[in-house]
Amino acid sequence: MKFLLGITCFLLSLQLAFCQHLSKDDAIADLTFLRDNIEKYNPALKVYKPNFHVASTGIIDAINQDEISLNAYFTYISQICALSDEGHFALGNWSDTVHNGIPQNKFKYLPVTIKVIDNDLYVWRDYSLKPVMNQGDKIISINGLNAEDILSRLRLATPADGEITTYADQIINLSFPWTYYFYIDQKDQFQIKYQNSPEEPILETNIKALTREEQVNSYKALNLSSKPQEESIDDFYELHFKEDHALLKLKSFDIQLIKKYGIHSRDFYQEIFTSLENHHINSLVIDIRDNTGGRNEFADDMVPYIMKGTTNDPFLKKSISWSGKERVYKIPKKSSHAFTGIIYVLVNGRTFSAGSTLARYLKEYGDAIVIGTETGTRYEGFTAGSKEYISLPHSSINIGIPRFHLLFPVSQKQTTTNRGLLPDYPIKASIQDLIDEKDLAYEQALKLISLE
């Protein structure tokens, strides 16, 4: 029976590879299956998105064409996942029918990377065969669609927590060329209107779509390649002692790095905070920008070392599974090596999941001064942990649905709903700041340290 099922799935995926379309009935069946499974496995859906069923059903009911393209179908999938207001989704993979044309050089797509600032798009790299746009040029429109509308459509298809746009925008920064292909259009030619600066006239260029291999070759021709850095424990963390402060960079809590370097969270933090104590550090900058999480203990086990006093919180956090099983994590005891000075924490939209959990702990229990942009994960709780992978019946595309609700105690320090950790000192970098590689958040921390 399993063999026959495997053959059926293979034939379905093979058929899709050739036709690149689904019938209306098949698409509706898959999207309904997806909606029902999100409702089944996401235990926080009724808490954070009570109107999910109505909103997702509205997308399904609006399908009226007899056939829909695979890209339109995938857009509906992504929009329904995004409607759940959770960022911990997995939307297929590079081997499925929607995506595999990218690594296999079958699809040609927009050879331009971008940076999102507010509702504007700026050129980061032009990988076209004859590049004319410069880094920092503002994109006005692509094929007649203005930049704000492009960004709006991409955000609608990017799962993110609550009303947080910083995380979605970071994802768009990293994936713009192919998400534009999946969610906007699949043209062979792009008419781009752009502007060098607000005072300059609007210019226009036409560039051809390129395969991934062609874009890589164009990248090399621009002499942008650099030697890959050797892997080291610096990929996980860095600790630097400066004249008037220490800088701790926690870059990732990824399980593969943890295993590779044999890092144990409790020993790791005990060694770091003992070292800070021995160096008589009074100001500590903890940089968790771009830390998208991983192992939760690397957030939880720092708490004893950052506690400033007692707390009335009844628990550190709760975990509630899709099946209703609940686990309560107790508030830990303060360590004898707890840091007694001022903590500054640097965050951004890719401070996500366990990285964002640590940012919350630093605010709640360490009285940290937060600098940067809004974190990517909902402050009061979110759905994460392991995922339940489902295979959509008519396309065999695998979707990972988060299935553990992580819930924090009610906060008195930030009383928002559906927002990430909001900085005490918001940082807004211009495109020129990014080009010049200015670290405005760290500069702000240094200013505050100088005033202590």
Protein backbone atom coordinates (compact mmCIF):
# COMPACT_ATOMS: atom_id res chain seq x y z
CA MET A 1 0.00 0.00 0.00
CA LYS A 2 2.83 2.43 0.93
CA PHE A 3 4.57 1.54 -2.36
CA LEU A 4 1.44 2.33 -4.37
CA LEU A 5 0.98 5.60 -2.49
CA GLY A 6 4.60 6.55 -3.25
CA ILE A 7 4.13 5.80 -6.94
CA THR A 8 0.91 7.87 -6.99
CA CYS A 9 2.67 10.87 -5.39
CA PHE A 10 5.55 10.52 -7.84
CA LEU A 11 3.21 10.48 -10.83
CA LEU A 12 1.32 13.48 -9.50
CA SER A 13 4.53 15.48 -9.06
CA LEU A 14 5.73 14.36 -12.51
CA GLN A 15 2.46 15.49 -14.05
CA LEU A 16 2.78 18.88 -12.34
CA ALA A 17 6.34 19.26 -13.58
CA PHE A 18 5.05 19.15 -17.15
CA CYS A 19 1.76 21.04 -16.89
CA GLN A 20 2.64 23.66 -14.25
CA HIS A 21 -1.09 24.12 -13.63
CA LEU A 22 -3.73 22.76 -11.27
CA SER A 23 -7.45 22.51 -11.81
CA LYS A 24 -9.66 24.74 -9.72
CA ASP A 25 -11.03 21.75 -7.79
CA ASP A 26 -7.56 20.36 -7.01
CA ALA A 27 -6.27 23.76 -5.88
CA ILE A 28 -9.30 24.33 -3.65
CA ALA A 29 -8.93 20.83 -2.16
CA ASP A 30 -5.26 21.47 -1.32
CA LEU A 31 -5.87 24.89 0.18
CA THR A 32 -8.78 23.59 2.25
CA PHE A 33 -6.56 20.75 3.46
CA LEU A 34 -3.89 23.30 4.39
CA ARG A 35 -6.35 25.54 6.26
CA ASP A 36 -7.77 22.61 8.22
CA ASN A 37 -4.33 21.36 9.23
CA ILE A 38 -3.17 24.81 10.36
CA GLU A 39 -6.28 24.92 12.56
CA LYS A 40 -5.47 21.46 13.85
CA TYR A 41 -1.78 21.89 14.66
CA ASN A 42 -1.34 25.57 15.61
CA PRO A 43 -2.41 25.70 19.27
CA ALA A 44 -2.23 29.52 19.48
CA LEU A 45 -4.36 30.29 16.44
CA LYS A 46 -7.46 31.17 18.44
CA VAL A 47 -5.38 33.37 20.74
CA TYR A 48 -3.53 35.46 18.16
CA LYS A 49 -5.65 35.08 14.99
CA PRO A 50 -9.27 34.27 15.92
CA ASN A 51 -10.56 35.23 12.45
CA PHE A 52 -8.17 32.89 10.61
CA HIS A 53 -10.88 30.54 9.35
CA VAL A 54 -12.97 33.33 7.83
CA ALA A 55 -9.94 35.09 6.30
CA SER A 56 -8.40 31.94 4.79
CA THR A 57 -11.76 30.70 3.52
CA GLY A 58 -12.14 34.06 1.77
CA ILE A 59 -8.96 33.37 -0.22
CA ILE A 60 -10.16 29.89 -1.17
CA ASP A 61 -13.66 31.01 -2.16
CA ALA A 62 -12.26 33.76 -4.38
CA ILE A 63 -10.68 31.26 -6.78
CA ASN A 64 -12.86 31.32 -9.89
CA GLN A 65 -10.62 30.35 -12.83
CA ASP A 66 -10.83 26.78 -14.16
CA GLU A 67 -7.05 26.36 -13.98
CA ILE A 68 -4.46 28.18 -11.93
CA SER A 69 -0.72 28.28 -12.47
CA LEU A 70 1.60 26.62 -10.00
CA ASN A 71 2.94 30.02 -8.99
CA ALA A 72 -0.54 31.42 -8.31
CA TYR A 73 -1.32 28.24 -6.36
CA PHE A 74 1.85 28.65 -4.29
CA THR A 75 0.97 32.29 -3.66
CA TYR A 76 -2.37 31.21 -2.19
CA ILE A 77 -0.56 28.66 -0.01
CA SER A 78 1.84 31.30 1.28
CA GLN A 79 -0.91 33.84 1.91
CA ILE A 80 -2.95 31.34 3.94
CA CYS A 81 0.11 30.46 6.03
CA ALA A 82 0.85 34.17 6.49
CA LEU A 83 -2.73 34.78 7.64
CA SER A 84 -2.03 32.71 10.76
CA ASP A 85 0.29 35.52 11.94
CA GLU A 86 3.13 33.13 12.80
CA GLY A 87 6.62 33.24 11.30
CA HIS A 88 7.69 29.66 12.00
CA PHE A 89 6.37 28.09 8.80
CA ALA A 90 8.28 26.05 6.22
CA LEU A 91 6.90 26.73 2.74
CA GLY A 92 8.08 23.84 0.60
CA ASN A 93 11.73 23.25 -0.31
CA TRP A 94 14.14 23.61 -3.21
CA SER A 95 13.35 20.14 -4.54
CA ASP A 96 9.59 20.53 -4.94
CA THR A 97 7.87 21.39 -8.20
CA VAL A 98 7.40 25.06 -7.43
CA HIS A 99 11.01 25.68 -6.40
CA ASN A 100 13.21 23.15 -8.22
CA GLY A 101 13.57 25.23 -11.38
CA ILE A 102 15.80 27.67 -9.47
CA PRO A 103 18.65 25.30 -8.48
CA GLN A 104 18.22 23.33 -11.72
CA ASN A 105 18.61 26.51 -13.83
CA LYS A 106 15.24 25.96 -15.51
CA PHE A 107 13.71 29.22 -14.28
CA LYS A 108 14.89 32.64 -15.30
CA TYR A 109 14.22 35.42 -12.83
CA LEU A 110 15.05 38.99 -11.87
CA PRO A 111 18.83 39.48 -11.45
CA VAL A 112 18.58 42.25 -8.85
CA THR A 113 18.91 42.13 -5.06
CA ILE A 114 17.37 44.83 -2.90
CA LYS A 115 17.15 46.41 0.54
CA VAL A 116 13.81 47.35 2.06
CA ILE A 117 13.62 50.63 3.98
CA ASP A 118 10.12 51.49 5.19
CA ASN A 119 7.97 51.03 2.05
CA ASP A 120 10.77 51.67 -0.42
CA LEU A 121 12.99 49.31 -2.40
CA TYR A 122 16.65 50.13 -3.09
CA VAL A 123 19.03 48.35 -5.43
CA TRP A 124 21.70 46.41 -3.60
CA ARG A 125 23.25 44.55 -6.54
CA ASP A 126 22.47 44.54 -10.23
CA TYR A 127 23.51 41.14 -11.63
CA SER A 128 22.19 41.73 -15.14
CA LEU A 129 24.40 41.07 -18.15
CA LYS A 130 25.07 44.77 -18.62
CA PRO A 131 24.39 46.35 -15.22
CA VAL A 132 23.49 50.02 -15.22
CA MET A 133 21.85 50.48 -11.82
CA ASN A 134 24.07 51.40 -8.92
CA GLN A 135 23.96 50.28 -5.32
CA GLY A 136 21.55 52.59 -3.51
CA ASP A 137 19.39 53.51 -6.50
CA LYS A 138 15.73 53.73 -5.53
CA ILE A 139 13.40 51.45 -7.49
CA ILE A 140 10.26 53.29 -8.59
CA SER A 141 8.54 50.43 -10.44
CA ILE A 142 9.12 47.07 -12.13
CA ASN A 143 7.06 46.23 -15.20
CA GLY A 144 4.62 49.00 -14.32
CA LEU A 145 4.01 47.87 -10.72
CA ASN A 146 5.22 50.45 -8.21
CA ALA A 147 7.63 49.49 -5.45
CA GLU A 148 5.15 49.93 -2.61
CA ASP A 149 2.66 47.57 -4.25
CA ILE A 150 5.42 45.01 -4.92
CA LEU A 151 6.43 45.13 -1.27
CA SER A 152 2.82 44.87 -0.11
CA ARG A 153 2.25 41.73 -2.19
CA LEU A 154 5.45 40.11 -0.94
CA ARG A 155 4.58 40.88 2.69
CA LEU A 156 1.15 39.27 2.24
CA ALA A 157 2.89 36.03 1.19
CA THR A 158 5.57 36.06 3.91
CA PRO A 159 4.59 34.41 7.23
CA ALA A 160 5.48 36.65 10.17
CA ASP A 161 4.32 37.11 13.76
CA GLY A 162 1.43 39.47 14.38
CA GLU A 163 1.80 42.99 13.00
CA ILE A 164 5.59 42.80 12.81
CA THR A 165 6.96 43.89 9.44
CA THR A 166 10.67 43.96 10.33
CA TYR A 167 11.01 40.17 10.09
CA ALA A 168 9.10 39.92 6.80
CA ASP A 169 11.21 42.72 5.33
CA GLN A 170 14.42 40.94 6.33
CA ILE A 171 13.17 37.78 4.61
CA ILE A 172 12.35 39.82 1.50
CA ASN A 173 15.86 41.34 1.60
CA LEU A 174 17.34 37.85 1.50
CA SER A 175 15.01 36.30 -1.07
CA PHE A 176 13.73 39.08 -3.32
CA PRO A 177 14.82 37.75 -6.77
CA TRP A 178 13.05 34.41 -6.48
CA THR A 179 10.10 35.54 -4.32
CA TYR A 180 9.43 38.17 -6.96
CA TYR A 181 9.38 35.29 -9.46
CA PHE A 182 7.06 33.15 -7.32
CA TYR A 183 4.63 35.85 -6.16
CA ILE A 184 4.72 38.71 -8.70
CA ASP A 185 5.48 37.60 -12.26
CA GLN A 186 7.64 35.33 -14.38
CA LYS A 187 8.53 37.65 -17.25
CA ASP A 188 11.59 37.20 -19.45
CA GLN A 189 12.17 40.97 -19.52
CA PHE A 190 11.94 43.65 -16.84
CA GLN A 191 11.35 47.33 -17.38
CA ILE A 192 12.68 49.03 -14.26
CA LYS A 193 12.21 52.68 -13.43
CA TYR A 194 14.69 53.94 -10.86
CA GLN A 195 16.25 57.05 -9.39
CA ASN A 196 19.84 57.78 -8.35
CA SER A 197 18.68 60.31 -5.73
CA PRO A 198 15.52 62.32 -4.95
CA GLU A 199 16.92 65.31 -6.86
CA GLU A 200 17.71 63.31 -9.99
CA PRO A 201 15.29 62.46 -12.83
CA ILE A 202 13.65 59.04 -13.03
CA LEU A 203 15.62 56.71 -15.29
CA GLU A 204 14.58 53.54 -17.08
CA THR A 205 16.37 50.33 -17.98
CA ASN A 206 15.37 47.01 -19.50
CA ILE A 207 17.07 43.86 -18.25
CA LYS A 208 16.66 40.21 -19.10
CA ALA A 209 15.74 37.45 -16.69
CA LEU A 210 18.63 35.11 -15.93
CA THR A 211 19.03 31.64 -14.49
CA ARG A 212 20.77 31.14 -11.18
CA GLU A 213 23.96 30.00 -12.94
CA GLU A 214 23.94 33.06 -15.18
CA GLN A 215 23.53 35.31 -12.16
CA VAL A 216 26.41 33.61 -10.36
CA ASN A 217 28.61 34.14 -13.42
CA SER A 218 27.57 37.80 -13.55
CA TYR A 219 28.42 38.11 -9.85
CA LYS A 220 31.89 36.73 -10.51
CA ALA A 221 32.36 39.05 -13.48
CA LEU A 222 31.73 42.02 -11.19
CA ASN A 223 34.70 40.88 -9.06
CA LEU A 224 32.50 40.73 -5.97
CA SER A 225 33.60 37.26 -4.96
CA SER A 226 35.52 36.95 -1.74
CA LYS A 227 37.34 34.05 -0.18
CA PRO A 228 35.07 32.04 2.11
CA GLN A 229 35.98 32.42 5.75
CA GLU A 230 37.14 29.34 7.58
CA GLU A 231 34.55 27.96 9.96
CA SER A 232 35.25 28.58 13.62
CA ILE A 233 33.45 29.02 16.92
CA ASP A 234 33.19 32.70 15.93
CA ASP A 235 30.22 31.60 13.82
CA PHE A 236 28.45 30.95 17.12
CA TYR A 237 29.68 33.73 19.38
CA GLU A 238 32.37 36.34 20.03
CA LEU A 239 33.41 38.01 23.28
CA HIS A 240 35.54 41.15 23.17
CA PHE A 241 36.82 43.19 26.09
CA LYS A 242 37.02 46.90 25.31
CA GLU A 243 38.37 49.79 27.36
CA ASP A 244 35.04 50.70 28.95
CA HIS A 245 32.77 47.76 28.13
CA ALA A 246 32.53 44.19 26.89
CA LEU A 247 30.87 43.16 23.64
CA LEU A 248 29.20 39.75 23.49
CA LYS A 249 27.96 38.72 20.06
CA LEU A 250 25.55 35.78 20.12
CA LYS A 251 25.13 35.04 16.43
CA SER A 252 23.17 31.82 16.43
CA PHE A 253 21.77 29.05 18.61
CA ASP A 254 21.89 26.59 15.72
CA ILE A 255 21.98 22.94 16.77
CA GLN A 256 24.60 22.01 14.17
CA LEU A 257 27.07 24.59 15.49
CA ILE A 258 26.33 23.56 19.07
CA LYS A 259 27.09 19.93 18.27
CA LYS A 260 30.13 20.79 16.15
CA TYR A 261 31.84 22.76 18.90
CA GLY A 262 30.48 20.78 21.84
CA ILE A 263 28.87 23.80 23.51
CA HIS A 264 26.80 23.27 26.67
CA SER A 265 24.63 26.25 27.54
CA ARG A 266 25.13 26.26 31.31
CA ASP A 267 28.90 25.86 31.13
CA PHE A 268 29.01 28.36 28.28
CA TYR A 269 27.31 31.14 30.26
CA GLN A 270 29.09 30.37 33.51
CA GLU A 271 32.43 30.78 31.77
CA ILE A 272 31.39 34.03 30.05
CA PHE A 273 29.91 35.73 33.10
CA THR A 274 32.72 34.61 35.38
CA SER A 275 35.11 36.17 32.88
CA LEU A 276 33.10 39.41 32.87
CA GLU A 277 33.27 39.45 36.65
CA ASN A 278 37.03 38.87 36.67
CA HIS A 279 37.52 41.73 34.20
CA HIS A 280 35.40 44.05 36.39
CA ILE A 281 33.08 44.92 33.50
CA ASN A 282 30.37 47.46 34.33
CA SER A 283 28.85 47.88 30.84
CA LEU A 284 27.92 44.91 28.67
CA VAL A 285 26.71 45.12 25.08
CA ILE A 286 24.95 41.94 23.92
CA ASP A 287 24.49 41.84 20.16
CA ILE A 288 21.80 39.37 19.04
CA ARG A 289 21.02 40.95 15.69
CA ASP A 290 20.41 38.32 12.99
CA ASN A 291 20.19 35.58 15.64
CA THR A 292 17.26 33.61 14.25
CA GLY A 293 17.26 31.18 17.16
CA GLY A 294 17.70 27.46 17.51
CA ARG A 295 18.10 25.73 20.84
CA ASN A 296 15.86 27.32 23.50
CA GLU A 297 18.20 26.54 26.40
CA PHE A 298 20.63 29.15 25.08
CA ALA A 299 17.96 31.74 25.89
CA ASP A 300 16.67 30.18 29.12
CA ASP A 301 20.06 29.44 30.68
CA MET A 302 21.26 33.04 30.50
CA VAL A 303 18.50 34.21 32.84
CA PRO A 304 20.35 33.39 36.12
CA TYR A 305 23.25 35.59 34.97
CA ILE A 306 21.23 38.69 34.06
CA MET A 307 18.68 38.88 36.90
CA LYS A 308 18.71 42.24 38.68
CA GLY A 309 16.43 41.32 41.53
CA THR A 310 13.34 39.33 42.45
CA THR A 311 10.38 38.89 40.15
CA ASN A 312 6.69 38.27 40.69
CA ASP A 313 6.36 36.26 37.51
CA PRO A 314 4.73 32.88 38.25
CA PHE A 315 6.84 31.12 35.61
CA LEU A 316 9.55 31.76 33.03
CA LYS A 317 7.47 30.45 30.14
CA LYS A 318 4.92 27.80 29.25
CA SER A 319 4.93 25.38 26.34
CA ILE A 320 1.55 24.11 25.13
CA SER A 321 1.54 21.47 22.39
CA TRP A 322 -1.02 21.09 19.62
CA SER A 323 -2.47 18.14 21.55
CA GLY A 324 -2.92 20.23 24.71
CA LYS A 325 0.06 18.96 26.68
CA GLU A 326 1.46 21.73 28.87
CA ARG A 327 4.92 22.21 30.36
CA VAL A 328 5.77 25.00 32.80
CA TYR A 329 9.33 26.34 33.09
CA LYS A 330 10.19 27.73 36.52
CA ILE A 331 11.95 31.00 37.19
CA PRO A 332 15.60 30.03 37.85
CA LYS A 333 17.65 31.15 40.84
CA LYS A 334 19.94 34.11 40.42
CA SER A 335 23.59 33.11 39.93
CA SER A 336 26.33 34.28 42.26
CA HIS A 337 28.07 35.44 39.06
CA ALA A 338 25.09 37.47 37.83
CA PHE A 339 26.09 40.63 36.00
CA THR A 340 25.54 43.74 38.14
CA GLY A 341 26.28 46.45 35.58
CA ILE A 342 24.25 47.98 32.76
CA ILE A 343 23.25 45.78 29.85
CA TYR A 344 22.67 47.10 26.33
CA VAL A 345 21.10 44.72 23.84
CA LEU A 346 21.24 45.21 20.06
CA VAL A 347 18.33 43.74 18.09
CA ASN A 348 16.76 43.78 14.63
CA GLY A 349 14.02 42.08 12.63
CA ARG A 350 16.06 38.88 12.35
CA THR A 351 16.32 38.62 16.12
CA PHE A 352 13.84 35.79 15.97
CA SER A 353 12.52 32.77 17.85
CA ALA A 354 14.98 31.79 20.64
CA GLY A 355 17.04 34.88 19.78
CA SER A 356 13.97 37.03 20.37
CA THR A 357 13.15 35.08 23.54
CA LEU A 358 16.58 36.01 24.90
CA ALA A 359 15.95 39.66 24.00
CA ARG A 360 12.72 39.50 26.02
CA TYR A 361 14.51 37.98 29.02
CA LEU A 362 17.16 40.68 28.87
CA LYS A 363 14.45 43.35 28.95
CA GLU A 364 12.28 41.71 31.60
CA TYR A 365 14.90 40.36 34.01
CA GLY A 366 18.08 42.28 33.15
CA ASP A 367 16.57 45.77 32.76
CA ALA A 368 18.47 45.92 29.48
CA ILE A 369 18.47 49.05 27.36
CA VAL A 370 17.27 47.91 23.93
CA ILE A 371 18.72 49.46 20.78
CA GLY A 372 17.87 48.71 17.14
CA THR A 373 14.68 47.77 15.32
CA GLU A 374 11.66 45.73 16.43
CA THR A 375 12.44 42.04 16.94
CA GLY A 376 10.85 39.47 14.68
CA THR A 377 8.89 37.42 17.21
CA ARG A 378 5.75 38.34 19.16
CA TYR A 379 6.63 39.62 22.65
CA GLU A 380 3.81 37.93 24.59
CA GLY A 381 4.25 34.51 22.97
CA PHE A 382 4.46 32.66 19.67
CA THR A 383 4.08 29.26 18.06
CA ALA A 384 7.34 27.47 17.31
CA GLY A 385 9.19 24.37 18.49
CA SER A 386 8.94 21.41 16.16
CA LYS A 387 6.83 21.51 13.01
CA GLU A 388 4.15 19.19 11.74
CA TYR A 389 4.93 18.53 8.08
CA ILE A 390 1.99 17.91 5.80
CA SER A 391 2.07 17.02 2.11
CA LEU A 392 -0.53 18.78 -0.02
CA PRO A 393 -2.48 16.02 -1.84
CA HIS A 394 -2.39 17.32 -5.42
CA SER A 395 1.11 18.83 -5.54
CA SER A 396 3.03 16.89 -2.86
CA ILE A 397 4.46 20.20 -1.62
CA ASN A 398 5.51 19.89 2.03
CA ILE A 399 4.39 22.60 4.45
CA GLY A 400 5.79 22.77 7.98
CA ILE A 401 3.26 24.04 10.55
CA PRO A 402 4.54 25.21 13.98
CA ARG A 403 2.83 23.23 16.73
CA PHE A 404 4.03 24.43 20.16
CA HIS A 405 2.71 27.61 21.77
CA LEU A 406 5.40 29.31 23.85
CA LEU A 407 3.65 31.65 26.26
CA PHE A 408 5.31 34.21 28.56
CA PRO A 409 3.97 35.85 31.74
CA VAL A 410 2.08 39.13 31.41
CA SER A 411 4.64 41.93 31.11
CA GLN A 412 4.55 45.28 32.87
CA LYS A 413 7.46 46.59 30.81
CA GLN A 414 5.83 46.26 27.40
CA THR A 415 2.08 45.96 27.14
CA THR A 416 1.70 45.60 23.38
CA THR A 417 -0.28 43.01 21.45
CA ASN A 418 1.03 41.23 18.35
CA ARG A 419 4.27 43.21 18.30
CA GLY A 420 7.90 42.29 18.84
CA LEU A 421 10.23 43.80 21.44
CA LEU A 422 10.22 47.54 20.78
CA PRO A 423 13.59 49.27 21.25
CA ASP A 424 14.17 52.02 23.81
CA TYR A 425 16.37 53.62 21.17
CA PRO A 426 14.96 52.92 17.69
CA ILE A 427 17.52 52.93 14.89
CA LYS A 428 16.61 53.87 11.34
CA ALA A 429 19.43 53.37 8.86
CA SER A 430 19.38 55.06 5.47
CA ILE A 431 20.46 53.25 2.33
CA GLN A 432 23.71 55.23 2.46
CA ASP A 433 24.29 54.05 6.04
CA LEU A 434 23.98 50.45 4.81
CA ILE A 435 26.33 51.08 1.90
CA ASP A 436 28.87 52.70 4.25
CA GLU A 437 28.45 49.75 6.66
CA LYS A 438 27.70 52.09 9.54
CA ASP A 439 26.73 50.31 12.73
CA LEU A 440 24.33 52.89 14.13
CA ALA A 441 23.02 50.62 16.89
CA TYR A 442 26.47 49.92 18.32
CA GLU A 443 27.38 53.60 17.95
CA GLN A 444 24.30 54.48 20.02
CA ALA A 445 25.36 51.99 22.70
CA LEU A 446 28.82 53.57 22.84
CA LYS A 447 27.26 57.02 23.25
CA LEU A 448 25.18 55.81 26.18
CA ILE A 449 28.18 54.10 27.77
CA SER A 450 30.18 57.33 27.54
CA LEU A 451 27.46 59.09 29.55
CA GLU A 452 27.42 56.61 32.42
